[in-house]
Each structure stands twice: as structure tokens, then as C-alpha cells.
Amino acid sequence: MAWKLEGCAIFLVIFMMLFAIQISNASTTYNVGDSNGWTFGVSNWPNGKNFKVGDVLVFNYPREIHNVVIVNKVDYNNCNPSGKMFNSGKDVITLKKGTTYFICGVPGHCDGAQKIAITAN
């Protein structure tokens, strides 16, 4: 009888560990800029957030006014929209490991702090 209880206890511990790992690996969906969306002044939005590989960013914006461009660090710093552009108004991007740089490619918008750098671990 004791070996049955011991076996059940071991099974329960293993199950709980696997469940905890599954929860910690679950991705999170973020609306960039929260209720304001992807707009001017969003550059501080990532502060205090811990992004993981597989997390999803949703960029909500009026497509007639803005867009989203993934750029490298140099183009991010210089507000040069030379990367892949999205312009649906509801762009969904899954994060990969490392830092990804996003800017609005409309002239003047990146200079108005419509850019974010996200590091996913």
C-alpha cells in the first residue's frame, strides 16, 4: 500500500512540475500602446515589461495615417524606414529571440517617438 501512495506522490509532483513549465512558457499578447494603440509618444510603452520569445505584439492604428516597419538598430536610431513594412492597421507580429526594432515609416512619425525596441528572451 505504501508503494502505491509513494508512486502517486511522485506522479503528482511530476505532473505539477510539467504544468508549471507549461504555464511559464505560455505566450502573452500585447496591444502596443495599450488603449492608445500605435501612435506618437509610444516609445516608452515597453518599459517595465518582460517579453519572451513567442509573445505576440498587436499594432492597432488607422492604416491611412500610420504603418509599422521592422528595421535594424542603425535605421531605428536614424528613423530610416528601410525594412519590412506592415500596413493593415491591425498587424500581428510574433517575437523572436533578441531585439526587434519597430518604427512608423511615415515621415516625421518616428521622430515623434513612434518607435519601440523590444527584447525577447
N, C-alpha and C. Protein backbone atom coordinates (compact mmCIF):
# COMPACT_ATOMS: atom_id res chain seq x y z
N MET A 1 0.82 -1.19 0.00
CA MET A 1 0.00 0.00 0.00
C MET A 1 0.87 1.26 0.00
N ALA A 2 1.96 1.24 0.77
CA ALA A 2 2.83 2.41 0.85
C ALA A 2 3.46 2.73 -0.50
N TRP A 3 3.81 1.69 -1.25
CA TRP A 3 4.43 1.93 -2.56
C TRP A 3 3.45 2.58 -3.52
N LYS A 4 2.14 2.31 -3.39
CA LYS A 4 1.13 2.94 -4.24
C LYS A 4 1.04 4.43 -3.93
N LEU A 5 1.05 4.76 -2.64
CA LEU A 5 0.99 6.18 -2.26
C LEU A 5 2.24 6.92 -2.70
N GLU A 6 3.38 6.27 -2.57
CA GLU A 6 4.64 6.88 -2.99
C GLU A 6 4.62 7.11 -4.50
N GLY A 7 4.14 6.14 -5.24
CA GLY A 7 4.04 6.27 -6.70
C GLY A 7 3.10 7.39 -7.09
N CYS A 8 1.97 7.51 -6.41
CA CYS A 8 1.02 8.59 -6.67
C CYS A 8 1.64 9.95 -6.36
N ALA A 9 2.38 10.02 -5.25
CA ALA A 9 3.02 11.28 -4.87
C ALA A 9 4.05 11.70 -5.91
N ILE A 10 4.84 10.76 -6.39
CA ILE A 10 5.83 11.06 -7.42
C ILE A 10 5.14 11.52 -8.70
N PHE A 11 4.10 10.83 -9.09
CA PHE A 11 3.35 11.22 -10.29
C PHE A 11 2.79 12.62 -10.15
N LEU A 12 2.24 12.93 -8.97
CA LEU A 12 1.65 14.24 -8.73
C LEU A 12 2.71 15.34 -8.81
N VAL A 13 3.87 15.10 -8.24
CA VAL A 13 4.96 16.09 -8.29
C VAL A 13 5.39 16.32 -9.73
N ILE A 14 5.57 15.26 -10.50
CA ILE A 14 5.97 15.39 -11.90
C ILE A 14 4.90 16.14 -12.69
N PHE A 15 3.65 15.80 -12.46
CA PHE A 15 2.55 16.48 -13.15
C PHE A 15 2.55 17.97 -12.84
N MET A 16 2.72 18.33 -11.57
CA MET A 16 2.72 19.74 -11.17
C MET A 16 3.90 20.49 -11.79
N MET A 17 5.06 19.84 -11.88
CA MET A 17 6.23 20.48 -12.49
C MET A 17 5.99 20.73 -13.98
N LEU A 18 5.43 19.75 -14.67
CA LEU A 18 5.14 19.93 -16.09
C LEU A 18 4.09 21.02 -16.31
N PHE A 19 3.10 21.08 -15.45
CA PHE A 19 2.07 22.11 -15.54
C PHE A 19 2.68 23.50 -15.32
N ALA A 20 3.57 23.63 -14.36
CA ALA A 20 4.23 24.91 -14.09
C ALA A 20 5.09 25.34 -15.27
N ILE A 21 5.79 24.38 -15.87
CA ILE A 21 6.61 24.69 -17.05
C ILE A 21 5.71 25.15 -18.19
N GLN A 22 4.60 24.50 -18.40
CA GLN A 22 3.67 24.87 -19.47
C GLN A 22 3.15 26.29 -19.27
N ILE A 23 2.78 26.62 -18.04
CA ILE A 23 2.27 27.96 -17.74
C ILE A 23 3.35 29.00 -17.98
N SER A 24 4.59 28.73 -17.56
CA SER A 24 5.66 29.71 -17.72
C SER A 24 6.05 29.89 -19.18
N ASN A 25 5.78 28.91 -20.03
CA ASN A 25 6.12 29.01 -21.44
C ASN A 25 4.98 29.58 -22.28
N ALA A 26 3.84 29.85 -21.68
CA ALA A 26 2.71 30.38 -22.43
C ALA A 26 3.03 31.78 -22.93
N SER A 27 2.65 32.05 -24.15
CA SER A 27 2.93 33.38 -24.73
C SER A 27 1.88 34.38 -24.25
N THR A 28 2.27 35.64 -24.33
CA THR A 28 1.40 36.74 -23.95
C THR A 28 1.16 37.60 -25.18
N THR A 29 -0.06 38.08 -25.34
CA THR A 29 -0.39 39.00 -26.42
C THR A 29 -0.46 40.41 -25.85
N TYR A 30 0.30 41.30 -26.46
CA TYR A 30 0.36 42.70 -26.03
C TYR A 30 -0.23 43.59 -27.10
N ASN A 31 -1.08 44.52 -26.71
CA ASN A 31 -1.52 45.57 -27.61
C ASN A 31 -0.56 46.74 -27.46
N VAL A 32 0.24 46.98 -28.48
CA VAL A 32 1.26 48.03 -28.42
C VAL A 32 0.59 49.38 -28.17
N GLY A 33 1.08 50.07 -27.14
CA GLY A 33 0.50 51.36 -26.77
C GLY A 33 -0.75 51.24 -25.93
N ASP A 34 -1.09 50.01 -25.55
CA ASP A 34 -2.31 49.74 -24.77
C ASP A 34 -3.52 50.35 -25.47
N SER A 35 -4.37 51.07 -24.75
CA SER A 35 -5.61 51.58 -25.36
C SER A 35 -5.36 52.71 -26.36
N ASN A 36 -4.18 53.34 -26.29
CA ASN A 36 -3.86 54.41 -27.26
C ASN A 36 -3.45 53.85 -28.62
N GLY A 37 -2.98 52.61 -28.63
CA GLY A 37 -2.55 52.00 -29.88
C GLY A 37 -1.18 52.50 -30.32
N TRP A 38 -0.85 52.17 -31.55
CA TRP A 38 0.43 52.52 -32.17
C TRP A 38 0.32 53.97 -32.65
N THR A 39 0.91 54.88 -31.89
CA THR A 39 0.77 56.30 -32.19
C THR A 39 1.98 57.06 -31.67
N PHE A 40 1.98 58.37 -31.79
CA PHE A 40 3.06 59.22 -31.31
C PHE A 40 3.28 59.01 -29.81
N GLY A 41 4.54 59.09 -29.39
CA GLY A 41 4.86 59.01 -27.97
C GLY A 41 4.84 57.61 -27.37
N VAL A 42 4.80 56.59 -28.20
CA VAL A 42 4.70 55.21 -27.71
C VAL A 42 6.05 54.61 -27.32
N SER A 43 7.13 55.33 -27.52
CA SER A 43 8.47 54.75 -27.35
C SER A 43 8.76 54.25 -25.93
N ASN A 44 8.09 54.76 -24.91
CA ASN A 44 8.30 54.27 -23.54
C ASN A 44 7.37 53.13 -23.16
N TRP A 45 6.46 52.76 -24.04
CA TRP A 45 5.48 51.72 -23.73
C TRP A 45 6.12 50.39 -23.27
N PRO A 46 7.24 49.94 -23.85
CA PRO A 46 7.81 48.66 -23.42
C PRO A 46 8.41 48.67 -22.01
N ASN A 47 8.67 49.84 -21.45
CA ASN A 47 9.33 49.92 -20.14
C ASN A 47 8.57 49.13 -19.08
N GLY A 48 9.31 48.30 -18.35
CA GLY A 48 8.72 47.52 -17.27
C GLY A 48 8.08 46.22 -17.69
N LYS A 49 8.09 45.93 -18.99
CA LYS A 49 7.51 44.68 -19.47
C LYS A 49 8.63 43.67 -19.74
N ASN A 50 8.36 42.41 -19.50
CA ASN A 50 9.32 41.34 -19.77
C ASN A 50 8.80 40.49 -20.91
N PHE A 51 9.37 40.69 -22.08
CA PHE A 51 8.91 39.98 -23.28
C PHE A 51 9.66 38.67 -23.42
N LYS A 52 8.93 37.66 -23.90
CA LYS A 52 9.51 36.34 -24.13
C LYS A 52 9.39 35.98 -25.62
N VAL A 53 10.27 35.09 -26.04
CA VAL A 53 10.17 34.53 -27.38
C VAL A 53 8.78 33.92 -27.52
N GLY A 54 8.08 34.23 -28.59
CA GLY A 54 6.75 33.71 -28.82
C GLY A 54 5.64 34.66 -28.41
N ASP A 55 5.96 35.68 -27.63
CA ASP A 55 4.95 36.69 -27.30
C ASP A 55 4.50 37.38 -28.59
N VAL A 56 3.29 37.89 -28.56
CA VAL A 56 2.70 38.48 -29.76
C VAL A 56 2.44 39.96 -29.52
N LEU A 57 2.87 40.78 -30.48
CA LEU A 57 2.58 42.21 -30.45
C LEU A 57 1.49 42.50 -31.46
N VAL A 58 0.48 43.25 -31.03
CA VAL A 58 -0.59 43.68 -31.93
C VAL A 58 -0.49 45.19 -32.05
N PHE A 59 -0.28 45.65 -33.27
CA PHE A 59 -0.18 47.08 -33.57
C PHE A 59 -1.52 47.54 -34.13
N ASN A 60 -2.25 48.31 -33.34
CA ASN A 60 -3.55 48.85 -33.78
C ASN A 60 -3.37 50.33 -34.12
N TYR A 61 -3.81 50.73 -35.31
CA TYR A 61 -3.66 52.12 -35.76
C TYR A 61 -4.53 52.35 -36.99
N PRO A 62 -4.83 53.63 -37.28
CA PRO A 62 -5.54 53.93 -38.53
C PRO A 62 -4.57 53.75 -39.72
N ARG A 63 -4.89 52.83 -40.60
CA ARG A 63 -3.96 52.49 -41.69
C ARG A 63 -3.75 53.61 -42.68
N GLU A 64 -4.63 54.60 -42.69
CA GLU A 64 -4.45 55.74 -43.59
C GLU A 64 -3.41 56.72 -43.04
N ILE A 65 -3.07 56.56 -41.74
CA ILE A 65 -2.20 57.54 -41.08
C ILE A 65 -0.83 56.97 -40.72
N HIS A 66 -0.76 55.70 -40.32
CA HIS A 66 0.48 55.10 -39.83
C HIS A 66 0.78 53.79 -40.56
N ASN A 67 1.95 53.23 -40.24
CA ASN A 67 2.33 51.88 -40.64
C ASN A 67 3.33 51.37 -39.61
N VAL A 68 3.82 50.18 -39.79
CA VAL A 68 4.83 49.59 -38.91
C VAL A 68 5.94 49.06 -39.80
N VAL A 69 7.18 49.43 -39.48
CA VAL A 69 8.33 48.93 -40.24
C VAL A 69 9.31 48.30 -39.26
N ILE A 70 9.71 47.06 -39.55
CA ILE A 70 10.75 46.40 -38.75
C ILE A 70 12.09 46.79 -39.37
N VAL A 71 12.96 47.36 -38.55
CA VAL A 71 14.25 47.86 -39.03
C VAL A 71 15.39 47.33 -38.16
N ASN A 72 16.61 47.60 -38.59
CA ASN A 72 17.77 47.25 -37.75
C ASN A 72 18.06 48.41 -36.79
N LYS A 73 19.03 48.22 -35.92
CA LYS A 73 19.32 49.21 -34.88
C LYS A 73 19.75 50.56 -35.47
N VAL A 74 20.57 50.55 -36.49
CA VAL A 74 21.03 51.80 -37.10
C VAL A 74 19.85 52.56 -37.70
N ASP A 75 18.99 51.85 -38.43
CA ASP A 75 17.83 52.51 -39.03
C ASP A 75 16.83 52.95 -37.96
N TYR A 76 16.76 52.23 -36.86
CA TYR A 76 15.92 52.64 -35.73
C TYR A 76 16.42 53.97 -35.17
N ASN A 77 17.72 54.04 -34.92
CA ASN A 77 18.30 55.27 -34.36
C ASN A 77 18.19 56.45 -35.30
N ASN A 78 18.22 56.19 -36.62
CA ASN A 78 18.15 57.25 -37.62
C ASN A 78 16.75 57.45 -38.19
N CYS A 79 15.77 56.69 -37.69
CA CYS A 79 14.39 56.76 -38.20
C CYS A 79 14.33 56.57 -39.72
N ASN A 80 15.07 55.57 -40.18
CA ASN A 80 15.12 55.25 -41.61
C ASN A 80 14.25 54.01 -41.87
N PRO A 81 13.11 54.16 -42.55
CA PRO A 81 12.18 53.03 -42.75
C PRO A 81 12.61 52.11 -43.89
N SER A 82 13.71 51.38 -43.69
CA SER A 82 14.26 50.57 -44.77
C SER A 82 14.03 49.07 -44.59
N GLY A 83 13.05 48.68 -43.80
CA GLY A 83 12.83 47.26 -43.56
C GLY A 83 11.47 46.79 -44.05
N LYS A 84 11.03 45.68 -43.49
CA LYS A 84 9.74 45.10 -43.86
C LYS A 84 8.61 45.96 -43.31
N MET A 85 7.67 46.34 -44.19
CA MET A 85 6.59 47.23 -43.78
C MET A 85 5.27 46.46 -43.66
N PHE A 86 4.52 46.81 -42.63
CA PHE A 86 3.16 46.31 -42.42
C PHE A 86 2.23 47.51 -42.44
N ASN A 87 1.04 47.33 -42.99
CA ASN A 87 0.12 48.47 -43.06
C ASN A 87 -1.35 48.06 -43.01
N SER A 88 -1.65 47.02 -42.26
CA SER A 88 -3.04 46.55 -42.19
C SER A 88 -3.88 47.34 -41.20
N GLY A 89 -3.22 48.03 -40.26
CA GLY A 89 -3.94 48.72 -39.20
C GLY A 89 -4.19 47.83 -37.99
N LYS A 90 -3.90 46.54 -38.16
CA LYS A 90 -4.01 45.57 -37.05
C LYS A 90 -2.98 44.48 -37.29
N ASP A 91 -1.72 44.89 -37.23
CA ASP A 91 -0.62 43.98 -37.53
C ASP A 91 -0.29 43.12 -36.32
N VAL A 92 -0.08 41.83 -36.56
CA VAL A 92 0.21 40.87 -35.50
C VAL A 92 1.60 40.29 -35.78
N ILE A 93 2.51 40.49 -34.83
CA ILE A 93 3.90 40.07 -35.01
C ILE A 93 4.34 39.26 -33.81
N THR A 94 4.85 38.05 -34.07
CA THR A 94 5.36 37.17 -33.02
C THR A 94 6.84 37.44 -32.81
N LEU A 95 7.22 37.61 -31.55
CA LEU A 95 8.60 37.97 -31.23
C LEU A 95 9.54 36.77 -31.33
N LYS A 96 10.71 37.04 -31.88
CA LYS A 96 11.80 36.07 -31.92
C LYS A 96 12.84 36.49 -30.90
N LYS A 97 13.81 35.62 -30.64
CA LYS A 97 14.85 35.91 -29.65
C LYS A 97 15.68 37.10 -30.10
N GLY A 98 15.98 37.97 -29.14
CA GLY A 98 16.81 39.14 -29.41
C GLY A 98 15.97 40.40 -29.43
N THR A 99 16.58 41.46 -29.95
CA THR A 99 15.91 42.76 -30.00
C THR A 99 15.36 43.01 -31.40
N THR A 100 14.11 43.40 -31.45
CA THR A 100 13.46 43.76 -32.71
C THR A 100 13.08 45.24 -32.61
N TYR A 101 13.35 45.97 -33.69
CA TYR A 101 13.13 47.41 -33.73
C TYR A 101 11.96 47.73 -34.65
N PHE A 102 11.02 48.51 -34.15
CA PHE A 102 9.83 48.89 -34.90
C PHE A 102 9.75 50.42 -34.98
N ILE A 103 9.45 50.93 -36.16
CA ILE A 103 9.22 52.36 -36.31
C ILE A 103 7.99 52.57 -37.20
N CYS A 104 7.42 53.76 -37.13
CA CYS A 104 6.43 54.16 -38.12
C CYS A 104 7.22 54.78 -39.27
N GLY A 105 6.95 54.34 -40.49
CA GLY A 105 7.70 54.80 -41.64
C GLY A 105 7.17 56.08 -42.27
N VAL A 106 6.10 56.64 -41.75
CA VAL A 106 5.57 57.89 -42.28
C VAL A 106 6.51 59.01 -41.84
N PRO A 107 6.94 59.86 -42.78
CA PRO A 107 7.90 60.92 -42.43
C PRO A 107 7.47 61.73 -41.21
N GLY A 108 8.41 61.86 -40.27
CA GLY A 108 8.19 62.64 -39.06
C GLY A 108 7.61 61.86 -37.89
N HIS A 109 7.00 60.72 -38.15
CA HIS A 109 6.35 59.97 -37.07
C HIS A 109 7.36 59.31 -36.14
N CYS A 110 8.38 58.70 -36.68
CA CYS A 110 9.42 58.09 -35.84
C CYS A 110 10.09 59.17 -34.98
N ASP A 111 10.35 60.32 -35.57
CA ASP A 111 10.94 61.43 -34.80
C ASP A 111 10.00 61.91 -33.70
N GLY A 112 8.71 61.63 -33.83
CA GLY A 112 7.73 61.95 -32.81
C GLY A 112 7.54 60.82 -31.81
N ALA A 113 8.57 59.99 -31.66
CA ALA A 113 8.61 58.88 -30.69
C ALA A 113 7.64 57.76 -31.02
N GLN A 114 7.35 57.58 -32.31
CA GLN A 114 6.54 56.43 -32.71
C GLN A 114 7.49 55.33 -33.17
N LYS A 115 8.17 54.79 -32.16
CA LYS A 115 9.11 53.70 -32.38
C LYS A 115 9.31 52.97 -31.06
N ILE A 116 9.56 51.67 -31.15
CA ILE A 116 9.85 50.87 -29.96
C ILE A 116 10.92 49.84 -30.29
N ALA A 117 11.70 49.51 -29.28
CA ALA A 117 12.69 48.44 -29.36
C ALA A 117 12.28 47.39 -28.32
N ILE A 118 12.07 46.16 -28.77
CA ILE A 118 11.59 45.09 -27.90
C ILE A 118 12.64 43.97 -27.85
N THR A 119 13.04 43.61 -26.64
CA THR A 119 13.97 42.50 -26.47
C THR A 119 13.21 41.32 -25.87
N ALA A 120 13.23 40.21 -26.59
CA ALA A 120 12.58 38.97 -26.14
C ALA A 120 13.65 37.96 -25.73
N ASN A 121 13.47 37.40 -24.57
CA ASN A 121 14.43 36.40 -24.05
C ASN A 121 13.80 35.02 -24.06
